[in-house]
């Protein structure tokens, strides 16, 4: 009887523990880069804009879609070492070459302009590049505008984050 219980316990352990290890292998690796040109007079720090755009909008969406998010500085040093100081000036062919052996499925680069007053509210924009490394194609490459007439400067950053999340929903994880 003990042998049967032991075998059943071992079998159940294998059945329930194996999917936990399988999820690790099935996760999609995504490199997320963020740069903010902080020349704003409105008290928006790089940390607060990063929180509003990336941590509150992009990261939760990627995590919900079973992604491993990579933000390690060593990957962005590749850009610097190849003479690039920003994300928007790098050509797709150069990006593909630099990151071809790093095991990423998607690369997401977000370069945020300073938040500025627009008269009645605030405005800004972010240049966003999303590249599918398997197809070697842009899924998005362009400006994402953000503005508000009645909210504060932080609302602009949050609105841009929501737009980027919407782009991810529509073009990446459709």
N, C-alpha and C. Protein backbone atom coordinates (compact mmCIF):
# COMPACT_ATOMS: atom_id res chain seq x y z
N UNK A 1 0.81 -1.20 0.00
CA UNK A 1 0.00 0.00 0.00
C UNK A 1 0.86 1.27 0.00
N UNK A 2 1.94 1.22 0.77
CA UNK A 2 2.83 2.38 0.83
C UNK A 2 3.49 2.65 -0.52
N UNK A 3 3.85 1.56 -1.21
CA UNK A 3 4.47 1.72 -2.52
C UNK A 3 3.50 2.39 -3.50
N UNK A 4 2.26 2.01 -3.45
CA UNK A 4 1.26 2.59 -4.35
C UNK A 4 1.07 4.07 -4.02
N UNK A 5 0.98 4.42 -2.74
CA UNK A 5 0.86 5.83 -2.34
C UNK A 5 2.09 6.63 -2.76
N UNK A 6 3.26 6.03 -2.60
CA UNK A 6 4.49 6.71 -2.98
C UNK A 6 4.52 6.97 -4.49
N UNK A 7 4.16 5.96 -5.27
CA UNK A 7 4.15 6.09 -6.73
C UNK A 7 3.12 7.13 -7.16
N UNK A 8 1.92 7.11 -6.56
CA UNK A 8 0.90 8.11 -6.89
C UNK A 8 1.36 9.51 -6.52
N UNK A 9 2.00 9.65 -5.36
CA UNK A 9 2.51 10.96 -4.93
C UNK A 9 3.57 11.46 -5.91
N UNK A 10 4.48 10.58 -6.30
CA UNK A 10 5.53 10.96 -7.24
C UNK A 10 4.93 11.36 -8.59
N UNK A 11 3.94 10.62 -9.03
CA UNK A 11 3.29 10.92 -10.30
C UNK A 11 2.60 12.28 -10.26
N UNK A 12 1.87 12.55 -9.17
CA UNK A 12 1.21 13.84 -9.02
C UNK A 12 2.23 14.97 -8.95
N UNK A 13 3.32 14.74 -8.27
CA UNK A 13 4.37 15.75 -8.17
C UNK A 13 4.92 16.09 -9.56
N UNK A 14 5.18 15.08 -10.36
CA UNK A 14 5.69 15.30 -11.71
C UNK A 14 4.67 16.05 -12.56
N UNK A 15 3.41 15.68 -12.45
CA UNK A 15 2.35 16.31 -13.25
C UNK A 15 2.20 17.78 -12.90
N UNK A 16 2.24 18.14 -11.62
CA UNK A 16 1.98 19.51 -11.21
C UNK A 16 3.23 20.39 -11.19
N UNK A 17 4.39 19.82 -11.05
CA UNK A 17 5.61 20.63 -10.99
C UNK A 17 6.14 20.92 -12.40
N UNK A 18 5.98 20.01 -13.33
CA UNK A 18 6.52 20.20 -14.67
C UNK A 18 5.98 21.44 -15.37
N UNK A 19 4.66 21.77 -15.30
CA UNK A 19 4.20 23.00 -15.95
C UNK A 19 4.86 24.25 -15.39
N UNK A 20 5.23 24.25 -14.13
CA UNK A 20 5.89 25.42 -13.56
C UNK A 20 7.24 25.66 -14.23
N UNK A 21 7.96 24.59 -14.54
CA UNK A 21 9.23 24.74 -15.23
C UNK A 21 9.01 25.05 -16.70
N UNK A 22 7.97 24.53 -17.29
CA UNK A 22 7.68 24.78 -18.71
C UNK A 22 7.39 26.25 -18.97
N UNK A 23 6.71 26.92 -18.03
CA UNK A 23 6.40 28.34 -18.25
C UNK A 23 7.67 29.17 -18.35
N UNK A 24 8.70 28.81 -17.61
CA UNK A 24 9.95 29.55 -17.68
C UNK A 24 10.51 29.51 -19.11
N UNK A 25 10.47 28.32 -19.73
CA UNK A 25 11.01 28.17 -21.08
C UNK A 25 10.14 28.84 -22.13
N UNK A 26 8.85 28.94 -21.87
CA UNK A 26 7.93 29.49 -22.87
C UNK A 26 7.80 31.01 -22.80
N UNK A 27 8.46 31.64 -21.85
CA UNK A 27 8.33 33.08 -21.74
C UNK A 27 9.07 33.77 -22.88
N UNK A 28 8.49 34.86 -23.33
CA UNK A 28 9.05 35.66 -24.40
C UNK A 28 9.98 36.70 -23.80
N UNK A 29 11.22 36.74 -24.28
CA UNK A 29 12.19 37.74 -23.79
C UNK A 29 12.01 39.03 -24.58
N UNK A 30 11.84 40.12 -23.83
CA UNK A 30 11.62 41.44 -24.44
C UNK A 30 12.61 42.43 -23.84
N UNK A 31 13.35 43.11 -24.70
CA UNK A 31 14.26 44.17 -24.26
C UNK A 31 13.50 45.48 -24.31
N UNK A 32 13.47 46.20 -23.18
CA UNK A 32 12.77 47.48 -23.11
C UNK A 32 13.78 48.57 -22.74
N UNK A 33 13.92 49.53 -23.64
CA UNK A 33 14.80 50.66 -23.39
C UNK A 33 14.00 51.94 -23.27
N UNK A 34 14.40 52.81 -22.35
CA UNK A 34 13.68 54.06 -22.12
C UNK A 34 14.68 55.19 -21.93
N UNK A 35 14.43 56.29 -22.63
CA UNK A 35 15.27 57.47 -22.46
C UNK A 35 14.36 58.69 -22.41
N UNK A 36 14.62 59.58 -21.44
CA UNK A 36 13.82 60.80 -21.29
C UNK A 36 14.74 62.00 -21.30
N UNK A 37 14.47 62.91 -22.20
CA UNK A 37 15.23 64.16 -22.27
C UNK A 37 14.65 65.13 -21.27
N UNK A 38 15.21 65.15 -20.09
CA UNK A 38 14.64 65.93 -19.00
C UNK A 38 15.15 67.37 -19.00
N UNK A 39 14.53 68.19 -19.82
CA UNK A 39 14.82 69.62 -19.79
C UNK A 39 13.58 70.38 -19.33
N UNK A 40 12.65 69.64 -18.76
CA UNK A 40 11.36 70.19 -18.36
C UNK A 40 11.49 71.06 -17.11
N UNK A 41 10.71 72.11 -17.09
CA UNK A 41 10.65 72.97 -15.91
C UNK A 41 9.48 72.61 -15.00
N UNK A 42 8.77 71.57 -15.34
CA UNK A 42 7.51 71.25 -14.65
C UNK A 42 7.69 70.23 -13.54
N UNK A 43 8.91 70.00 -13.09
CA UNK A 43 9.13 69.11 -11.96
C UNK A 43 9.03 67.63 -12.28
N UNK A 44 9.02 67.27 -13.54
CA UNK A 44 8.93 65.86 -13.91
C UNK A 44 10.34 65.27 -13.94
N UNK A 45 10.62 64.37 -13.02
CA UNK A 45 11.92 63.73 -13.01
C UNK A 45 11.91 62.55 -13.97
N UNK A 46 13.08 62.11 -14.36
CA UNK A 46 13.19 60.94 -15.24
C UNK A 46 12.52 59.74 -14.57
N UNK A 47 12.70 59.61 -13.26
CA UNK A 47 12.12 58.49 -12.52
C UNK A 47 10.59 58.53 -12.56
N UNK A 48 9.99 59.69 -12.39
CA UNK A 48 8.53 59.78 -12.39
C UNK A 48 7.95 59.54 -13.80
N UNK A 49 8.62 60.03 -14.82
CA UNK A 49 8.15 59.80 -16.20
C UNK A 49 8.30 58.32 -16.54
N UNK A 50 9.41 57.71 -16.15
CA UNK A 50 9.63 56.27 -16.37
C UNK A 50 8.51 55.47 -15.71
N UNK A 51 8.15 55.85 -14.48
CA UNK A 51 7.07 55.16 -13.77
C UNK A 51 5.75 55.29 -14.52
N UNK A 52 5.42 56.52 -14.96
CA UNK A 52 4.14 56.74 -15.63
C UNK A 52 4.06 56.05 -17.00
N UNK A 53 5.15 56.06 -17.75
CA UNK A 53 5.12 55.50 -19.09
C UNK A 53 5.35 53.99 -19.06
N UNK A 54 6.45 53.58 -18.46
CA UNK A 54 6.89 52.18 -18.57
C UNK A 54 6.35 51.30 -17.45
N UNK A 55 6.61 51.66 -16.20
CA UNK A 55 6.25 50.77 -15.08
C UNK A 55 4.75 50.64 -14.88
N UNK A 56 3.99 51.68 -15.17
CA UNK A 56 2.54 51.61 -14.94
C UNK A 56 1.77 51.11 -16.15
N UNK A 57 2.37 51.15 -17.33
CA UNK A 57 1.62 50.79 -18.54
C UNK A 57 2.26 49.66 -19.34
N UNK A 58 3.53 49.79 -19.69
CA UNK A 58 4.17 48.80 -20.56
C UNK A 58 4.49 47.51 -19.81
N UNK A 59 5.15 47.61 -18.66
CA UNK A 59 5.54 46.41 -17.93
C UNK A 59 4.36 45.52 -17.54
N UNK A 60 3.28 46.07 -16.94
CA UNK A 60 2.17 45.19 -16.58
C UNK A 60 1.56 44.47 -17.79
N UNK A 61 1.51 45.15 -18.92
CA UNK A 61 0.96 44.52 -20.12
C UNK A 61 1.87 43.38 -20.60
N UNK A 62 3.18 43.61 -20.60
CA UNK A 62 4.11 42.56 -21.02
C UNK A 62 4.08 41.37 -20.06
N UNK A 63 4.01 41.65 -18.77
CA UNK A 63 3.94 40.57 -17.78
C UNK A 63 2.67 39.75 -17.95
N UNK A 64 1.56 40.43 -18.25
CA UNK A 64 0.29 39.74 -18.47
C UNK A 64 0.38 38.81 -19.68
N UNK A 65 1.25 39.14 -20.63
CA UNK A 65 1.43 38.33 -21.83
C UNK A 65 2.64 37.40 -21.73
N UNK A 66 2.99 37.05 -20.48
CA UNK A 66 4.01 36.04 -20.21
C UNK A 66 5.38 36.40 -20.80
N UNK A 67 5.79 37.64 -20.62
CA UNK A 67 7.08 38.10 -21.13
C UNK A 67 8.09 38.25 -19.99
N UNK A 68 9.33 37.93 -20.30
CA UNK A 68 10.44 38.24 -19.41
C UNK A 68 10.99 39.59 -19.87
N UNK A 69 10.93 40.58 -19.01
CA UNK A 69 11.34 41.94 -19.36
C UNK A 69 12.80 42.12 -18.99
N UNK A 70 13.59 42.58 -19.96
CA UNK A 70 15.02 42.80 -19.74
C UNK A 70 15.29 44.30 -19.91
N UNK A 71 15.94 44.88 -18.90
CA UNK A 71 16.30 46.30 -18.95
C UNK A 71 17.78 46.51 -18.62
N UNK A 72 18.55 45.45 -18.69
CA UNK A 72 19.95 45.49 -18.29
C UNK A 72 20.75 46.49 -19.14
N UNK A 73 21.49 47.33 -18.48
CA UNK A 73 22.26 48.40 -19.13
C UNK A 73 23.28 47.85 -20.13
N UNK A 74 23.76 46.63 -19.93
CA UNK A 74 24.78 46.09 -20.83
C UNK A 74 24.26 45.98 -22.27
N UNK A 75 22.95 45.81 -22.43
CA UNK A 75 22.40 45.73 -23.78
C UNK A 75 22.36 47.10 -24.45
N UNK A 76 22.23 48.14 -23.67
CA UNK A 76 22.18 49.49 -24.23
C UNK A 76 23.58 50.04 -24.46
N UNK A 77 24.56 49.44 -23.78
CA UNK A 77 25.95 49.80 -24.04
C UNK A 77 26.34 49.42 -25.47
N UNK A 78 25.68 48.42 -26.03
CA UNK A 78 25.94 48.04 -27.42
C UNK A 78 25.67 49.22 -28.35
N UNK A 79 24.61 49.96 -28.08
CA UNK A 79 24.30 51.13 -28.91
C UNK A 79 25.40 52.17 -28.76
N UNK A 80 25.78 52.45 -27.52
CA UNK A 80 26.83 53.45 -27.27
C UNK A 80 28.15 53.04 -27.91
N UNK A 81 28.48 51.76 -27.80
CA UNK A 81 29.74 51.27 -28.36
C UNK A 81 29.76 51.33 -29.88
N UNK A 82 28.59 51.38 -30.49
CA UNK A 82 28.50 51.51 -31.95
C UNK A 82 28.27 52.95 -32.39
N UNK A 83 28.41 53.89 -31.46
CA UNK A 83 28.35 55.31 -31.81
C UNK A 83 26.99 55.96 -31.76
N UNK A 84 25.99 55.29 -31.19
CA UNK A 84 24.65 55.86 -31.12
C UNK A 84 24.38 56.42 -29.73
N UNK A 85 23.83 57.62 -29.69
CA UNK A 85 23.52 58.23 -28.40
C UNK A 85 22.03 58.19 -28.09
N UNK A 86 21.23 57.82 -29.07
CA UNK A 86 19.78 57.74 -28.85
C UNK A 86 19.19 56.60 -29.68
N UNK A 87 17.96 56.24 -29.35
CA UNK A 87 17.30 55.13 -30.03
C UNK A 87 16.78 55.50 -31.40
N UNK A 88 16.33 56.74 -31.56
CA UNK A 88 15.64 57.12 -32.79
C UNK A 88 16.56 57.17 -34.00
N UNK A 89 17.87 57.35 -33.79
CA UNK A 89 18.77 57.47 -34.94
C UNK A 89 19.33 56.13 -35.42
N UNK A 90 19.07 55.05 -34.70
CA UNK A 90 19.62 53.75 -35.07
C UNK A 90 18.77 53.12 -36.17
N UNK A 91 19.42 52.66 -37.22
CA UNK A 91 18.71 51.98 -38.31
C UNK A 91 18.34 50.56 -37.89
N UNK A 92 17.26 50.07 -38.46
CA UNK A 92 16.77 48.73 -38.12
C UNK A 92 17.83 47.66 -38.39
N UNK A 93 18.53 47.74 -39.52
CA UNK A 93 19.56 46.74 -39.85
C UNK A 93 20.65 46.72 -38.79
N UNK A 94 21.04 47.89 -38.29
CA UNK A 94 22.06 47.95 -37.23
C UNK A 94 21.55 47.33 -35.94
N UNK A 95 20.30 47.61 -35.60
CA UNK A 95 19.70 47.04 -34.39
C UNK A 95 19.65 45.52 -34.49
N UNK A 96 19.19 45.02 -35.63
CA UNK A 96 19.10 43.57 -35.82
C UNK A 96 20.47 42.92 -35.68
N UNK A 97 21.48 43.54 -36.25
CA UNK A 97 22.84 43.00 -36.16
C UNK A 97 23.36 43.01 -34.72
N UNK A 98 23.12 44.11 -34.00
CA UNK A 98 23.62 44.23 -32.63
C UNK A 98 23.00 43.21 -31.68
N UNK A 99 21.71 42.90 -31.88
CA UNK A 99 20.98 42.08 -30.90
C UNK A 99 20.63 40.68 -31.42
N UNK A 100 21.19 40.28 -32.54
CA UNK A 100 20.80 39.00 -33.16
C UNK A 100 21.09 37.78 -32.30
N UNK A 101 22.10 37.83 -31.46
CA UNK A 101 22.48 36.66 -30.66
C UNK A 101 22.03 36.72 -29.21
N UNK A 102 21.16 37.66 -28.87
CA UNK A 102 20.79 37.86 -27.46
C UNK A 102 19.49 37.17 -27.05
N UNK A 103 18.81 36.52 -27.98
CA UNK A 103 17.64 35.72 -27.63
C UNK A 103 16.36 36.50 -27.36
N UNK A 104 16.26 37.72 -27.87
CA UNK A 104 15.04 38.51 -27.67
C UNK A 104 14.04 38.23 -28.79
N UNK A 105 12.77 38.20 -28.42
CA UNK A 105 11.71 38.11 -29.44
C UNK A 105 11.34 39.51 -29.92
N UNK A 106 11.24 40.45 -28.98
CA UNK A 106 10.89 41.82 -29.32
C UNK A 106 11.87 42.79 -28.67
N UNK A 107 12.12 43.88 -29.37
CA UNK A 107 12.87 45.01 -28.83
C UNK A 107 11.93 46.20 -28.79
N UNK A 108 11.86 46.88 -27.66
CA UNK A 108 11.01 48.06 -27.52
C UNK A 108 11.89 49.21 -27.05
N UNK A 109 11.99 50.24 -27.87
CA UNK A 109 12.76 51.43 -27.51
C UNK A 109 11.82 52.61 -27.42
N UNK A 110 11.86 53.31 -26.29
CA UNK A 110 10.99 54.47 -26.06
C UNK A 110 11.88 55.66 -25.73
N UNK A 111 11.78 56.69 -26.54
CA UNK A 111 12.57 57.90 -26.33
C UNK A 111 11.62 59.07 -26.15
N UNK A 112 11.52 59.55 -24.93
CA UNK A 112 10.51 60.55 -24.55
C UNK A 112 11.07 61.97 -24.64
N UNK A 113 10.31 62.84 -25.28
CA UNK A 113 10.65 64.26 -25.36
C UNK A 113 10.26 64.95 -24.04
N UNK A 114 10.84 66.11 -23.76
CA UNK A 114 10.47 66.82 -22.52
C UNK A 114 8.99 67.20 -22.51
N UNK A 115 8.42 67.20 -21.33
CA UNK A 115 7.03 67.64 -21.17
C UNK A 115 7.06 69.16 -21.07
N UNK A 116 6.20 69.80 -21.86
CA UNK A 116 6.21 71.27 -21.90
C UNK A 116 4.78 71.81 -21.85
N UNK A 117 4.69 73.06 -21.49
CA UNK A 117 3.39 73.72 -21.42
C UNK A 117 2.89 73.99 -22.84
N UNK A 118 1.59 73.79 -23.02
CA UNK A 118 1.00 74.07 -24.34
C UNK A 118 0.01 75.24 -24.25
N UNK A 119 0.11 76.05 -23.25
CA UNK A 119 -0.83 77.16 -23.08
C UNK A 119 -1.84 76.84 -22.01
N UNK A 120 -2.75 75.93 -22.32
CA UNK A 120 -3.76 75.55 -21.33
C UNK A 120 -3.41 74.25 -20.62
N UNK A 121 -2.52 73.48 -21.16
CA UNK A 121 -2.20 72.19 -20.55
C UNK A 121 -0.74 71.84 -20.80
N UNK A 122 -0.50 70.57 -20.99
CA UNK A 122 0.85 70.08 -21.21
C UNK A 122 0.86 69.15 -22.41
N UNK A 123 2.06 69.03 -23.03
CA UNK A 123 2.19 68.12 -24.17
C UNK A 123 3.59 67.54 -24.23
N UNK A 124 3.70 66.44 -24.92
CA UNK A 124 4.97 65.79 -25.17
C UNK A 124 4.74 64.73 -26.23
N UNK A 125 5.80 64.03 -26.59
CA UNK A 125 5.67 62.89 -27.48
C UNK A 125 6.83 61.94 -27.22
N UNK A 126 6.70 60.74 -27.71
CA UNK A 126 7.75 59.74 -27.55
C UNK A 126 7.96 59.07 -28.90
N UNK A 127 9.22 58.91 -29.27
CA UNK A 127 9.52 58.11 -30.46
C UNK A 127 9.63 56.67 -29.99
N UNK A 128 8.85 55.79 -30.60
CA UNK A 128 8.79 54.40 -30.19
C UNK A 128 9.17 53.50 -31.35
N UNK A 129 10.06 52.55 -31.07
CA UNK A 129 10.42 51.52 -32.05
C UNK A 129 10.12 50.17 -31.41
N UNK A 130 9.35 49.36 -32.11
CA UNK A 130 9.09 47.99 -31.66
C UNK A 130 9.50 47.08 -32.81
N UNK A 131 10.45 46.20 -32.55
CA UNK A 131 10.99 45.34 -33.61
C UNK A 131 10.75 43.88 -33.23
N UNK A 132 10.25 43.12 -34.20
CA UNK A 132 10.11 41.67 -34.04
C UNK A 132 11.41 41.05 -34.55
N UNK A 133 12.18 40.46 -33.67
CA UNK A 133 13.48 39.91 -34.05
C UNK A 133 13.36 38.65 -34.91
N UNK A 134 12.23 37.96 -34.84
CA UNK A 134 12.09 36.74 -35.64
C UNK A 134 11.77 37.05 -37.10
N UNK A 135 10.98 38.11 -37.32
CA UNK A 135 10.66 38.47 -38.71
C UNK A 135 11.55 39.60 -39.22
N UNK A 136 12.35 40.19 -38.35
CA UNK A 136 13.25 41.31 -38.69
C UNK A 136 12.49 42.53 -39.19
N UNK A 137 11.27 42.72 -38.70
CA UNK A 137 10.44 43.84 -39.16
C UNK A 137 10.04 44.75 -38.00
N UNK A 138 9.81 46.01 -38.37
CA UNK A 138 9.22 46.93 -37.42
C UNK A 138 7.76 46.56 -37.22
N UNK A 139 7.31 46.48 -35.99
CA UNK A 139 5.89 46.37 -35.70
C UNK A 139 5.32 47.76 -35.47
N UNK A 140 6.20 48.69 -35.08
CA UNK A 140 5.84 50.10 -34.96
C UNK A 140 7.13 50.91 -34.96
N UNK A 141 7.10 52.02 -35.67
CA UNK A 141 8.23 52.95 -35.67
C UNK A 141 7.65 54.34 -35.92
N UNK A 142 7.50 55.12 -34.86
CA UNK A 142 6.93 56.45 -35.04
C UNK A 142 6.75 57.19 -33.73
N UNK A 143 6.14 58.35 -33.85
CA UNK A 143 5.89 59.22 -32.70
C UNK A 143 4.55 58.88 -32.06
N UNK A 144 4.54 58.91 -30.74
CA UNK A 144 3.32 58.73 -29.98
C UNK A 144 3.09 60.04 -29.23
N UNK A 145 2.06 60.81 -29.63
CA UNK A 145 1.83 62.11 -28.97
C UNK A 145 1.05 61.95 -27.67
N UNK A 146 1.22 62.92 -26.82
CA UNK A 146 0.45 62.96 -25.58
C UNK A 146 0.21 64.40 -25.19
N UNK A 147 -1.02 64.69 -24.78
CA UNK A 147 -1.32 66.05 -24.32
C UNK A 147 -2.50 66.01 -23.37
N UNK A 148 -2.63 67.08 -22.62
CA UNK A 148 -3.76 67.21 -21.73
C UNK A 148 -4.12 68.68 -21.63
N UNK A 149 -5.40 68.94 -21.52
CA UNK A 149 -5.84 70.33 -21.35
C UNK A 149 -6.07 70.67 -19.89
N UNK A 150 -6.47 69.67 -19.11
CA UNK A 150 -6.84 69.95 -17.73
C UNK A 150 -5.99 69.21 -16.71
N UNK A 151 -5.31 68.16 -17.11
CA UNK A 151 -4.52 67.39 -16.17
C UNK A 151 -3.14 67.98 -15.96
N UNK A 152 -2.38 67.38 -15.07
CA UNK A 152 -1.03 67.83 -14.80
C UNK A 152 -0.03 67.24 -15.78
N UNK A 153 1.23 67.59 -15.59
CA UNK A 153 2.28 67.11 -16.48
C UNK A 153 2.41 65.59 -16.44
N UNK A 154 2.19 65.00 -15.27
CA UNK A 154 2.26 63.54 -15.15
C UNK A 154 1.19 62.83 -15.96
N UNK A 155 0.08 63.48 -16.18
CA UNK A 155 -1.00 62.88 -16.97
C UNK A 155 -0.55 62.67 -18.42
N UNK A 156 0.26 63.59 -18.93
CA UNK A 156 0.77 63.46 -20.30
C UNK A 156 1.61 62.20 -20.42
N UNK A 157 2.52 61.98 -19.47
CA UNK A 157 3.36 60.78 -19.50
C UNK A 157 2.51 59.52 -19.39
N UNK A 158 1.52 59.52 -18.54
CA UNK A 158 0.64 58.38 -18.39
C UNK A 158 -0.16 58.13 -19.68
N UNK A 159 -0.62 59.20 -20.33
CA UNK A 159 -1.35 59.05 -21.58
C UNK A 159 -0.48 58.44 -22.68
N UNK A 160 0.79 58.84 -22.72
CA UNK A 160 1.71 58.26 -23.70
C UNK A 160 1.91 56.78 -23.38
N UNK A 161 2.06 56.44 -22.12
CA UNK A 161 2.18 55.04 -21.73
C UNK A 161 0.98 54.22 -22.14
N UNK A 162 -0.21 54.78 -21.98
CA UNK A 162 -1.44 54.08 -22.40
C UNK A 162 -1.48 53.87 -23.91
N UNK A 163 -1.01 54.86 -24.67
CA UNK A 163 -0.97 54.72 -26.13
C UNK A 163 0.02 53.64 -26.56
N UNK A 164 1.16 53.58 -25.89
CA UNK A 164 2.14 52.53 -26.20
C UNK A 164 1.56 51.16 -25.87
N UNK A 165 0.87 51.06 -24.75
CA UNK A 165 0.22 49.80 -24.38
C UNK A 165 -0.80 49.39 -25.45
N UNK A 166 -1.54 50.38 -25.96
CA UNK A 166 -2.53 50.10 -27.02
C UNK A 166 -1.84 49.61 -28.29
N UNK A 167 -0.70 50.19 -28.62
CA UNK A 167 0.07 49.73 -29.79
C UNK A 167 0.52 48.29 -29.58
N UNK A 168 0.98 47.96 -28.38
CA UNK A 168 1.38 46.58 -28.08
C UNK A 168 0.20 45.63 -28.23
N UNK A 169 -0.97 46.05 -27.75
CA UNK A 169 -2.17 45.21 -27.86
C UNK A 169 -2.54 44.97 -29.33
N UNK A 170 -2.49 46.02 -30.14
CA UNK A 170 -2.96 45.93 -31.52
C UNK A 170 -1.96 45.33 -32.49
N UNK A 171 -0.66 45.54 -32.25
CA UNK A 171 0.32 45.14 -33.24
C UNK A 171 1.24 44.00 -32.82
N UNK A 172 1.40 43.80 -31.54
CA UNK A 172 2.32 42.78 -31.08
C UNK A 172 1.59 41.56 -30.56
N UNK A 173 0.68 41.75 -29.62
CA UNK A 173 -0.02 40.65 -28.98
C UNK A 173 -1.49 40.64 -29.40
N UNK A 174 -1.74 40.62 -30.69
CA UNK A 174 -3.10 40.67 -31.21
C UNK A 174 -3.82 39.36 -31.06
